[in-house]
Amino acid sequence: MACELRFGVVKSGSSRLVQQLERILEFLTVLPLESTVDKHYALIRKHLEQAGTPIGPNDLLIAAHSLALDLTLVTANIREFERVPALKLENWLIDDEKISQI
């Protein structure tokens, strides 16, 4: 979600990163939250809390959004998101050599 990216660059205090993010977001479509996101959110949160493996509220919303739209979530935070059943994940930062060792 764009809000998580914006928070990261604002928190860094780097005006260069803010400018880079603005340029990147010009080429991306930021999808609105669909009405079904709340249903996915509730089901994921219930499952993870019952399993004793909750994730942060922003990550929970991001996962629900991805599931609601049947999209693959691109993240470097695989450990957090792999707890969410049926969530498709990709890490574009991992190199091919590391992938072959997994």
PDB file of N, CA and C in Angstrom:
ATOM      1  N   MET A   1       0.840  -1.175   0.000  1.00  0.00           N
ATOM      2  CA  MET A   1       0.000   0.000   0.000  1.00  0.00           C
ATOM      3  C   MET A   1       0.883   1.235   0.000  1.00  0.00           C
ATOM      4  N   ALA A   2       0.461   2.199  -0.723  1.00  0.00           N
ATOM      5  CA  ALA A   2       1.241   3.423  -0.867  1.00  0.00           C
ATOM      6  C   ALA A   2       1.508   4.084   0.483  1.00  0.00           C
ATOM      7  N   CYS A   3       0.571   3.976   1.414  1.00  0.00           N
ATOM      8  CA  CYS A   3       0.758   4.637   2.716  1.00  0.00           C
ATOM      9  C   CYS A   3       1.955   4.054   3.466  1.00  0.00           C
ATOM     10  N   GLU A   4       2.195   2.754   3.359  1.00  0.00           N
ATOM     11  CA  GLU A   4       3.351   2.141   4.015  1.00  0.00           C
ATOM     12  C   GLU A   4       4.644   2.615   3.360  1.00  0.00           C
ATOM     13  N   LEU A   5       4.655   2.706   2.046  1.00  0.00           N
ATOM     14  CA  LEU A   5       5.839   3.211   1.348  1.00  0.00           C
ATOM     15  C   LEU A   5       6.108   4.663   1.727  1.00  0.00           C
ATOM     16  N   ARG A   6       5.065   5.470   1.741  1.00  0.00           N
ATOM     17  CA  ARG A   6       5.229   6.883   2.104  1.00  0.00           C
ATOM     18  C   ARG A   6       5.743   7.034   3.541  1.00  0.00           C
ATOM     19  N   PHE A   7       5.211   6.240   4.450  1.00  0.00           N
ATOM     20  CA  PHE A   7       5.671   6.309   5.831  1.00  0.00           C
ATOM     21  C   PHE A   7       7.161   5.997   5.914  1.00  0.00           C
ATOM     22  N   GLY A   8       7.580   4.952   5.207  1.00  0.00           N
ATOM     23  CA  GLY A   8       8.992   4.565   5.242  1.00  0.00           C
ATOM     24  C   GLY A   8       9.925   5.666   4.774  1.00  0.00           C
ATOM     25  N   VAL A   9       9.559   6.328   3.690  1.00  0.00           N
ATOM     26  CA  VAL A   9      10.451   7.378   3.183  1.00  0.00           C
ATOM     27  C   VAL A   9      10.380   8.637   4.041  1.00  0.00           C
ATOM     28  N   VAL A  10       9.219   8.963   4.565  1.00  0.00           N
ATOM     29  CA  VAL A  10       9.108  10.124   5.456  1.00  0.00           C
ATOM     30  C   VAL A  10       9.899   9.867   6.739  1.00  0.00           C
ATOM     31  N   LYS A  11       9.789   8.659   7.263  1.00  0.00           N
ATOM     32  CA  LYS A  11      10.511   8.293   8.484  1.00  0.00           C
ATOM     33  C   LYS A  11      12.024   8.373   8.268  1.00  0.00           C
ATOM     34  N   SER A  12      12.475   8.043   7.058  1.00  0.00           N
ATOM     35  CA  SER A  12      13.912   8.074   6.769  1.00  0.00           C
ATOM     36  C   SER A  12      14.473   9.498   6.804  1.00  0.00           C
ATOM     37  N   GLY A  13      13.602  10.478   6.574  1.00  0.00           N
ATOM     38  CA  GLY A  13      14.056  11.863   6.562  1.00  0.00           C
ATOM     39  C   GLY A  13      14.807  12.246   5.294  1.00  0.00           C
ATOM     40  N   SER A  14      14.778  11.386   4.300  1.00  0.00           N
ATOM     41  CA  SER A  14      15.519  11.623   3.064  1.00  0.00           C
ATOM     42  C   SER A  14      14.615  12.248   2.006  1.00  0.00           C
ATOM     43  N   SER A  15      14.915  13.482   1.645  1.00  0.00           N
ATOM     44  CA  SER A  15      14.124  14.126   0.593  1.00  0.00           C
ATOM     45  C   SER A  15      14.361  13.434  -0.749  1.00  0.00           C
ATOM     46  N   ARG A  16      15.535  12.861  -0.928  1.00  0.00           N
ATOM     47  CA  ARG A  16      15.835  12.116  -2.151  1.00  0.00           C
ATOM     48  C   ARG A  16      14.915  10.906  -2.282  1.00  0.00           C
ATOM     49  N   LEU A  17      14.714  10.159  -1.184  1.00  0.00           N
ATOM     50  CA  LEU A  17      13.817   9.004  -1.223  1.00  0.00           C
ATOM     51  C   LEU A  17      12.370   9.422  -1.457  1.00  0.00           C
ATOM     52  N   VAL A  18      11.966  10.530  -0.873  1.00  0.00           N
ATOM     53  CA  VAL A  18      10.605  11.037  -1.098  1.00  0.00           C
ATOM     54  C   VAL A  18      10.406  11.314  -2.579  1.00  0.00           C
ATOM     55  N   GLN A  19      11.363  11.963  -3.194  1.00  0.00           N
ATOM     56  CA  GLN A  19      11.272  12.272  -4.628  1.00  0.00           C
ATOM     57  C   GLN A  19      11.264  10.997  -5.469  1.00  0.00           C
ATOM     58  N   GLN A  20      12.103  10.029  -5.100  1.00  0.00           N
ATOM     59  CA  GLN A  20      12.137   8.765  -5.841  1.00  0.00           C
ATOM     60  C   GLN A  20      10.799   8.041  -5.744  1.00  0.00           C
ATOM     61  N   LEU A  21      10.229   8.023  -4.549  1.00  0.00           N
ATOM     62  CA  LEU A  21       8.940   7.359  -4.378  1.00  0.00           C
ATOM     63  C   LEU A  21       7.861   8.050  -5.202  1.00  0.00           C
ATOM     64  N   GLU A  22       7.861   9.357  -5.216  1.00  0.00           N
ATOM     65  CA  GLU A  22       6.875  10.090  -6.015  1.00  0.00           C
ATOM     66  C   GLU A  22       6.977   9.706  -7.489  1.00  0.00           C
ATOM     67  N   ARG A  23       8.210   9.572  -7.978  1.00  0.00           N
ATOM     68  CA  ARG A  23       8.399   9.176  -9.384  1.00  0.00           C
ATOM     69  C   ARG A  23       7.898   7.751  -9.616  1.00  0.00           C
ATOM     70  N   ILE A  24       8.169   6.863  -8.687  1.00  0.00           N
ATOM     71  CA  ILE A  24       7.714   5.470  -8.819  1.00  0.00           C
ATOM     72  C   ILE A  24       6.195   5.402  -8.815  1.00  0.00           C
ATOM     73  N   LEU A  25       5.568   6.127  -7.891  1.00  0.00           N
ATOM     74  CA  LEU A  25       4.105   6.068  -7.770  1.00  0.00           C
ATOM     75  C   LEU A  25       3.390   6.645  -8.989  1.00  0.00           C
ATOM     76  N   GLU A  26       4.075   7.482  -9.750  1.00  0.00           N
ATOM     77  CA  GLU A  26       3.480   8.000 -10.983  1.00  0.00           C
ATOM     78  C   GLU A  26       3.205   6.883 -11.988  1.00  0.00           C
ATOM     79  N   PHE A  27       3.968   5.797 -11.894  1.00  0.00           N
ATOM     80  CA  PHE A  27       3.852   4.696 -12.850  1.00  0.00           C
ATOM     81  C   PHE A  27       3.041   3.519 -12.319  1.00  0.00           C
ATOM     82  N   LEU A  28       2.615   3.592 -11.083  1.00  0.00           N
ATOM     83  CA  LEU A  28       1.858   2.496 -10.472  1.00  0.00           C
ATOM     84  C   LEU A  28       0.402   2.891 -10.291  1.00  0.00           C
ATOM     85  N   THR A  29      -0.450   1.913 -10.382  1.00  0.00           N
ATOM     86  CA  THR A  29      -1.858   2.132 -10.080  1.00  0.00           C
ATOM     87  C   THR A  29      -2.083   1.752  -8.624  1.00  0.00           C
ATOM     88  N   VAL A  30      -2.489   2.695  -7.820  1.00  0.00           N
ATOM     89  CA  VAL A  30      -2.803   2.421  -6.418  1.00  0.00           C
ATOM     90  C   VAL A  30      -4.275   2.044  -6.370  1.00  0.00           C
ATOM     91  N   LEU A  31      -4.533   0.815  -5.968  1.00  0.00           N
ATOM     92  CA  LEU A  31      -5.894   0.287  -5.995  1.00  0.00           C
ATOM     93  C   LEU A  31      -6.678   0.701  -4.758  1.00  0.00           C
ATOM     94  N   PRO A  32      -7.932   1.070  -4.925  1.00  0.00           N
ATOM     95  CA  PRO A  32      -8.769   1.432  -3.772  1.00  0.00           C
ATOM     96  C   PRO A  32      -9.142   0.189  -2.973  1.00  0.00           C
ATOM     97  N   LEU A  33      -9.462   0.399  -1.718  1.00  0.00           N
ATOM     98  CA  LEU A  33      -9.932  -0.718  -0.893  1.00  0.00           C
ATOM     99  C   LEU A  33     -11.323  -1.123  -1.354  1.00  0.00           C
ATOM    100  N   GLU A  34     -11.476  -2.383  -1.666  1.00  0.00           N
ATOM    101  CA  GLU A  34     -12.768  -2.917  -2.098  1.00  0.00           C
ATOM    102  C   GLU A  34     -13.608  -3.271  -0.875  1.00  0.00           C
ATOM    103  N   SER A  35     -14.885  -3.382  -1.078  1.00  0.00           N
ATOM    104  CA  SER A  35     -15.785  -3.662   0.045  1.00  0.00           C
ATOM    105  C   SER A  35     -15.542  -5.035   0.657  1.00  0.00           C
ATOM    106  N   THR A  36     -14.940  -5.956  -0.087  1.00  0.00           N
ATOM    107  CA  THR A  36     -14.702  -7.298   0.459  1.00  0.00           C
ATOM    108  C   THR A  36     -13.456  -7.377   1.330  1.00  0.00           C
ATOM    109  N   VAL A  37     -12.668  -6.317   1.393  1.00  0.00           N
ATOM    110  CA  VAL A  37     -11.452  -6.336   2.202  1.00  0.00           C
ATOM    111  C   VAL A  37     -11.786  -6.609   3.662  1.00  0.00           C
ATOM    112  N   ASP A  38     -12.865  -6.026   4.166  1.00  0.00           N
ATOM    113  CA  ASP A  38     -13.211  -6.201   5.580  1.00  0.00           C
ATOM    114  C   ASP A  38     -13.491  -7.662   5.915  1.00  0.00           C
ATOM    115  N   LYS A  39     -14.101  -8.398   5.007  1.00  0.00           N
ATOM    116  CA  LYS A  39     -14.375  -9.820   5.250  1.00  0.00           C
ATOM    117  C   LYS A  39     -13.079 -10.612   5.337  1.00  0.00           C
ATOM    118  N   HIS A  40     -12.162 -10.349   4.411  1.00  0.00           N
ATOM    119  CA  HIS A  40     -10.866 -11.033   4.447  1.00  0.00           C
ATOM    120  C   HIS A  40     -10.096 -10.653   5.710  1.00  0.00           C
ATOM    121  N   TYR A  41     -10.142  -9.379   6.067  1.00  0.00           N
ATOM    122  CA  TYR A  41      -9.464  -8.896   7.271  1.00  0.00           C
ATOM    123  C   TYR A  41      -9.947  -9.672   8.498  1.00  0.00           C
ATOM    124  N   ALA A  42     -11.260  -9.779   8.641  1.00  0.00           N
ATOM    125  CA  ALA A  42     -11.836 -10.458   9.808  1.00  0.00           C
ATOM    126  C   ALA A  42     -11.427 -11.923   9.851  1.00  0.00           C
ATOM    127  N   LEU A  43     -11.490 -12.602   8.719  1.00  0.00           N
ATOM    128  CA  LEU A  43     -11.147 -14.026   8.674  1.00  0.00           C
ATOM    129  C   LEU A  43      -9.663 -14.259   8.947  1.00  0.00           C
ATOM    130  N   ILE A  44      -8.816 -13.439   8.359  1.00  0.00           N
ATOM    131  CA  ILE A  44      -7.370 -13.580   8.583  1.00  0.00           C
ATOM    132  C   ILE A  44      -7.034 -13.310  10.044  1.00  0.00           C
ATOM    133  N   ARG A  45      -7.572 -12.225  10.589  1.00  0.00           N
ATOM    134  CA  ARG A  45      -7.258 -11.867  11.975  1.00  0.00           C
ATOM    135  C   ARG A  45      -7.717 -12.948  12.942  1.00  0.00           C
ATOM    136  N   LYS A  46      -8.926 -13.477  12.732  1.00  0.00           N
ATOM    137  CA  LYS A  46      -9.439 -14.557  13.587  1.00  0.00           C
ATOM    138  C   LYS A  46      -8.514 -15.764  13.516  1.00  0.00           C
ATOM    139  N   HIS A  47      -8.147 -16.163  12.311  1.00  0.00           N
ATOM    140  CA  HIS A  47      -7.280 -17.330  12.129  1.00  0.00           C
ATOM    141  C   HIS A  47      -5.929 -17.138  12.818  1.00  0.00           C
ATOM    142  N   LEU A  48      -5.299 -15.987  12.583  1.00  0.00           N
ATOM    143  CA  LEU A  48      -3.972 -15.750  13.142  1.00  0.00           C
ATOM    144  C   LEU A  48      -4.003 -15.608  14.659  1.00  0.00           C
ATOM    145  N   GLU A  49      -5.024 -14.971  15.199  1.00  0.00           N
ATOM    146  CA  GLU A  49      -5.125 -14.849  16.655  1.00  0.00           C
ATOM    147  C   GLU A  49      -5.358 -16.206  17.301  1.00  0.00           C
ATOM    148  N   GLN A  50      -6.202 -17.035  16.684  1.00  0.00           N
ATOM    149  CA  GLN A  50      -6.439 -18.378  17.221  1.00  0.00           C
ATOM    150  C   GLN A  50      -5.171 -19.227  17.166  1.00  0.00           C
ATOM    151  N   ALA A  51      -4.357 -19.008  16.143  1.00  0.00           N
ATOM    152  CA  ALA A  51      -3.108 -19.758  16.000  1.00  0.00           C
ATOM    153  C   ALA A  51      -1.994 -19.181  16.872  1.00  0.00           C
ATOM    154  N   GLY A  52      -2.237 -18.019  17.474  1.00  0.00           N
ATOM    155  CA  GLY A  52      -1.219 -17.373  18.297  1.00  0.00           C
ATOM    156  C   GLY A  52      -0.095 -16.761  17.474  1.00  0.00           C
ATOM    157  N   THR A  53      -0.402 -16.428  16.209  1.00  0.00           N
ATOM    158  CA  THR A  53       0.610 -15.865  15.312  1.00  0.00           C
ATOM    159  C   THR A  53       0.110 -14.590  14.633  1.00  0.00           C
ATOM    160  N   PRO A  54      -0.324 -13.607  15.420  1.00  0.00           N
ATOM    161  CA  PRO A  54      -0.865 -12.387  14.805  1.00  0.00           C
ATOM    162  C   PRO A  54       0.213 -11.618  14.038  1.00  0.00           C
ATOM    163  N   ILE A  55      -0.238 -10.770  13.129  1.00  0.00           N
ATOM    164  CA  ILE A  55       0.663  -9.857  12.425  1.00  0.00           C
ATOM    165  C   ILE A  55       0.196  -8.435  12.713  1.00  0.00           C
ATOM    166  N   GLY A  56       1.022  -7.480  12.383  1.00  0.00           N
ATOM    167  CA  GLY A  56       0.692  -6.083  12.650  1.00  0.00           C
ATOM    168  C   GLY A  56      -0.546  -5.631  11.897  1.00  0.00           C
ATOM    169  N   PRO A  57      -1.227  -4.612  12.409  1.00  0.00           N
ATOM    170  CA  PRO A  57      -2.487  -4.171  11.803  1.00  0.00           C
ATOM    171  C   PRO A  57      -2.345  -3.677  10.364  1.00  0.00           C
ATOM    172  N   ASN A  58      -1.264  -2.982  10.049  1.00  0.00           N
ATOM    173  CA  ASN A  58      -1.084  -2.535   8.666  1.00  0.00           C
ATOM    174  C   ASN A  58      -0.826  -3.714   7.740  1.00  0.00           C
ATOM    175  N   ASP A  59      -0.002  -4.659   8.199  1.00  0.00           N
ATOM    176  CA  ASP A  59       0.260  -5.848   7.385  1.00  0.00           C
ATOM    177  C   ASP A  59      -1.005  -6.672   7.205  1.00  0.00           C
ATOM    178  N   LEU A  60      -1.829  -6.722   8.220  1.00  0.00           N
ATOM    179  CA  LEU A  60      -3.101  -7.439   8.130  1.00  0.00           C
ATOM    180  C   LEU A  60      -3.998  -6.810   7.063  1.00  0.00           C
ATOM    181  N   LEU A  61      -4.058  -5.507   7.040  1.00  0.00           N
ATOM    182  CA  LEU A  61      -4.865  -4.809   6.034  1.00  0.00           C
ATOM    183  C   LEU A  61      -4.295  -5.018   4.627  1.00  0.00           C
ATOM    184  N   ILE A  62      -2.985  -4.985   4.506  1.00  0.00           N
ATOM    185  CA  ILE A  62      -2.337  -5.215   3.209  1.00  0.00           C
ATOM    186  C   ILE A  62      -2.634  -6.627   2.717  1.00  0.00           C
ATOM    187  N   ALA A  63      -2.535  -7.608   3.607  1.00  0.00           N
ATOM    188  CA  ALA A  63      -2.826  -8.999   3.231  1.00  0.00           C
ATOM    189  C   ALA A  63      -4.279  -9.158   2.812  1.00  0.00           C
ATOM    190  N   ALA A  64      -5.184  -8.561   3.561  1.00  0.00           N
ATOM    191  CA  ALA A  64      -6.612  -8.647   3.232  1.00  0.00           C
ATOM    192  C   ALA A  64      -6.899  -8.011   1.880  1.00  0.00           C
ATOM    193  N   HIS A  65      -6.252  -6.892   1.608  1.00  0.00           N
ATOM    194  CA  HIS A  65      -6.431  -6.207   0.321  1.00  0.00           C
ATOM    195  C   HIS A  65      -5.950  -7.104  -0.825  1.00  0.00           C
ATOM    196  N   SER A  66      -4.804  -7.730  -0.649  1.00  0.00           N
ATOM    197  CA  SER A  66      -4.268  -8.623  -1.681  1.00  0.00           C
ATOM    198  C   SER A  66      -5.190  -9.806  -1.927  1.00  0.00           C
ATOM    199  N   LEU A  67      -5.683 -10.406  -0.851  1.00  0.00           N
ATOM    200  CA  LEU A  67      -6.591 -11.548  -1.000  1.00  0.00           C
ATOM    201  C   LEU A  67      -7.915 -11.138  -1.634  1.00  0.00           C
ATOM    202  N   ALA A  68      -8.436  -9.999  -1.244  1.00  0.00           N
ATOM    203  CA  ALA A  68      -9.725  -9.546  -1.779  1.00  0.00           C
ATOM    204  C   ALA A  68      -9.668  -9.354  -3.287  1.00  0.00           C
ATOM    205  N   LEU A  69      -8.506  -8.942  -3.781  1.00  0.00           N
ATOM    206  CA  LEU A  69      -8.351  -8.699  -5.215  1.00  0.00           C
ATOM    207  C   LEU A  69      -7.670  -9.865  -5.931  1.00  0.00           C
ATOM    208  N   ASP A  70      -7.381 -10.940  -5.181  1.00  0.00           N
ATOM    209  CA  ASP A  70      -6.703 -12.123  -5.729  1.00  0.00           C
ATOM    210  C   ASP A  70      -5.399 -11.734  -6.426  1.00  0.00           C
ATOM    211  N   LEU A  71      -4.592 -10.935  -5.717  1.00  0.00           N
ATOM    212  CA  LEU A  71      -3.323 -10.462  -6.257  1.00  0.00           C
ATOM    213  C   LEU A  71      -2.152 -11.060  -5.492  1.00  0.00           C
ATOM    214  N   THR A  72      -1.000 -11.079  -6.122  1.00  0.00           N
ATOM    215  CA  THR A  72       0.235 -11.496  -5.471  1.00  0.00           C
ATOM    216  C   THR A  72       0.823 -10.296  -4.740  1.00  0.00           C
ATOM    217  N   LEU A  73       1.182 -10.504  -3.488  1.00  0.00           N
ATOM    218  CA  LEU A  73       1.785  -9.444  -2.686  1.00  0.00           C
ATOM    219  C   LEU A  73       3.301  -9.491  -2.868  1.00  0.00           C
ATOM    220  N   VAL A  74       3.876  -8.401  -3.316  1.00  0.00           N
ATOM    221  CA  VAL A  74       5.321  -8.293  -3.475  1.00  0.00           C
ATOM    222  C   VAL A  74       5.863  -7.628  -2.224  1.00  0.00           C
ATOM    223  N   THR A  75       6.731  -8.347  -1.509  1.00  0.00           N
ATOM    224  CA  THR A  75       7.248  -7.860  -0.237  1.00  0.00           C
ATOM    225  C   THR A  75       8.588  -8.511   0.076  1.00  0.00           C
ATOM    226  N   ALA A  76       9.394  -7.827   0.856  1.00  0.00           N
ATOM    227  CA  ALA A  76      10.609  -8.420   1.395  1.00  0.00           C
ATOM    228  C   ALA A  76      10.330  -8.997   2.780  1.00  0.00           C
ATOM    229  N   ASN A  77       9.125  -8.795   3.274  1.00  0.00           N
ATOM    230  CA  ASN A  77       8.721  -9.236   4.611  1.00  0.00           C
ATOM    231  C   ASN A  77       7.963 -10.568   4.524  1.00  0.00           C
ATOM    232  N   ILE A  78       8.602 -11.551   3.928  1.00  0.00           N
ATOM    233  CA  ILE A  78       7.962 -12.846   3.702  1.00  0.00           C
ATOM    234  C   ILE A  78       7.572 -13.511   5.019  1.00  0.00           C
ATOM    235  N   ARG A  79       8.435 -13.452   6.027  1.00  0.00           N
ATOM    236  CA  ARG A  79       8.150 -14.147   7.302  1.00  0.00           C
ATOM    237  C   ARG A  79       6.845 -13.696   7.946  1.00  0.00           C
ATOM    238  N   GLU A  80       6.560 -12.421   7.853  1.00  0.00           N
ATOM    239  CA  GLU A  80       5.323 -11.900   8.439  1.00  0.00           C
ATOM    240  C   GLU A  80       4.111 -12.382   7.643  1.00  0.00           C
ATOM    241  N   PHE A  81       4.191 -12.258   6.344  1.00  0.00           N
ATOM    242  CA  PHE A  81       3.030 -12.529   5.504  1.00  0.00           C
ATOM    243  C   PHE A  81       2.801 -14.009   5.220  1.00  0.00           C
ATOM    244  N   GLU A  82       3.822 -14.854   5.375  1.00  0.00           N
ATOM    245  CA  GLU A  82       3.618 -16.270   5.077  1.00  0.00           C
ATOM    246  C   GLU A  82       2.685 -16.938   6.091  1.00  0.00           C
ATOM    247  N   ARG A  83       2.378 -16.277   7.161  1.00  0.00           N
ATOM    248  CA  ARG A  83       1.416 -16.800   8.144  1.00  0.00           C
ATOM    249  C   ARG A  83      -0.019 -16.731   7.633  1.00  0.00           C
ATOM    250  N   VAL A  84      -0.253 -15.941   6.604  1.00  0.00           N
ATOM    251  CA  VAL A  84      -1.607 -15.725   6.089  1.00  0.00           C
ATOM    252  C   VAL A  84      -1.930 -16.813   5.065  1.00  0.00           C
ATOM    253  N   PRO A  85      -2.914 -17.665   5.362  1.00  0.00           N
ATOM    254  CA  PRO A  85      -3.261 -18.748   4.437  1.00  0.00           C
ATOM    255  C   PRO A  85      -3.712 -18.215   3.077  1.00  0.00           C
ATOM    256  N   ALA A  86      -3.283 -18.900   2.041  1.00  0.00           N
ATOM    257  CA  ALA A  86      -3.695 -18.648   0.651  1.00  0.00           C
ATOM    258  C   ALA A  86      -3.153 -17.343   0.066  1.00  0.00           C
ATOM    259  N   LEU A  87      -2.326 -16.623   0.807  1.00  0.00           N
ATOM    260  CA  LEU A  87      -1.769 -15.373   0.294  1.00  0.00           C
ATOM    261  C   LEU A  87      -0.582 -15.682  -0.618  1.00  0.00           C
ATOM    262  N   LYS A  88      -0.649 -15.198  -1.850  1.00  0.00           N
ATOM    263  CA  LYS A  88       0.440 -15.404  -2.813  1.00  0.00           C
ATOM    264  C   LYS A  88       1.490 -14.322  -2.588  1.00  0.00           C
ATOM    265  N   LEU A  89       2.753 -14.754  -2.448  1.00  0.00           N
ATOM    266  CA  LEU A  89       3.838 -13.833  -2.113  1.00  0.00           C
ATOM    267  C   LEU A  89       4.980 -13.925  -3.118  1.00  0.00           C
ATOM    268  N   GLU A  90       5.636 -12.801  -3.344  1.00  0.00           N
ATOM    269  CA  GLU A  90       6.879 -12.752  -4.111  1.00  0.00           C
ATOM    270  C   GLU A  90       7.801 -11.736  -3.461  1.00  0.00           C
ATOM    271  N   ASN A  91       9.092 -12.071  -3.431  1.00  0.00           N
ATOM    272  CA  ASN A  91      10.111 -11.152  -2.946  1.00  0.00           C
ATOM    273  C   ASN A  91      11.015 -10.815  -4.121  1.00  0.00           C
ATOM    274  N   TRP A  92      10.912  -9.612  -4.632  1.00  0.00           N
ATOM    275  CA  TRP A  92      11.711  -9.200  -5.781  1.00  0.00           C
ATOM    276  C   TRP A  92      13.117  -8.767  -5.385  1.00  0.00           C
ATOM    277  N   LEU A  93      13.412  -8.716  -4.097  1.00  0.00           N
ATOM    278  CA  LEU A  93      14.735  -8.281  -3.654  1.00  0.00           C
ATOM    279  C   LEU A  93      15.705  -9.436  -3.470  1.00  0.00           C
ATOM    280  N   ILE A  94      15.193 -10.652  -3.427  1.00  0.00           N
ATOM    281  CA  ILE A  94      16.047 -11.814  -3.225  1.00  0.00           C
ATOM    282  C   ILE A  94      16.678 -12.187  -4.567  1.00  0.00           C
ATOM    283  N   ASP A  95      17.967 -12.504  -4.550  1.00  0.00           N
ATOM    284  CA  ASP A  95      18.612 -12.830  -5.826  1.00  0.00           C
ATOM    285  C   ASP A  95      18.465 -14.318  -6.147  1.00  0.00           C
ATOM    286  N   ASP A  96      18.744 -14.674  -7.387  1.00  0.00           N
ATOM    287  CA  ASP A  96      18.557 -16.044  -7.863  1.00  0.00           C
ATOM    288  C   ASP A  96      19.396 -17.047  -7.088  1.00  0.00           C
ATOM    289  N   GLU A  97      20.598 -16.655  -6.670  1.00  0.00           N
ATOM    290  CA  GLU A  97      21.466 -17.564  -5.928  1.00  0.00           C
ATOM    291  C   GLU A  97      20.827 -17.945  -4.597  1.00  0.00           C
ATOM    292  N   LYS A  98      20.261 -16.979  -3.904  1.00  0.00           N
ATOM    293  CA  LYS A  98      19.601 -17.256  -2.631  1.00  0.00           C
ATOM    294  C   LYS A  98      18.360 -18.107  -2.839  1.00  0.00           C
ATOM    295  N   ILE A  99      17.635 -17.879  -3.923  1.00  0.00           N
ATOM    296  CA  ILE A  99      16.432 -18.659  -4.199  1.00  0.00           C
ATOM    297  C   ILE A  99      16.787 -20.129  -4.372  1.00  0.00           C
ATOM    298  N   SER A 100      17.883 -20.425  -5.060  1.00  0.00           N
ATOM    299  CA  SER A 100      18.257 -21.819  -5.299  1.00  0.00           C
ATOM    300  C   SER A 100      18.686 -22.519  -4.013  1.00  0.00           C
ATOM    301  N   GLN A 101      19.031 -21.766  -2.973  1.00  0.00           N
ATOM    302  CA  GLN A 101      19.437 -22.356  -1.699  1.00  0.00           C
ATOM    303  C   GLN A 101      18.263 -22.610  -0.773  1.00  0.00           C
ATOM    304  N   ILE A 102      17.102 -22.080  -1.116  1.00  0.00           N
ATOM    305  CA  ILE A 102      15.933 -22.226  -0.238  1.00  0.00           C
ATOM    306  C   ILE A 102      15.331 -23.597  -0.397  1.00  0.00           C
TER     307      ILE A 102
END
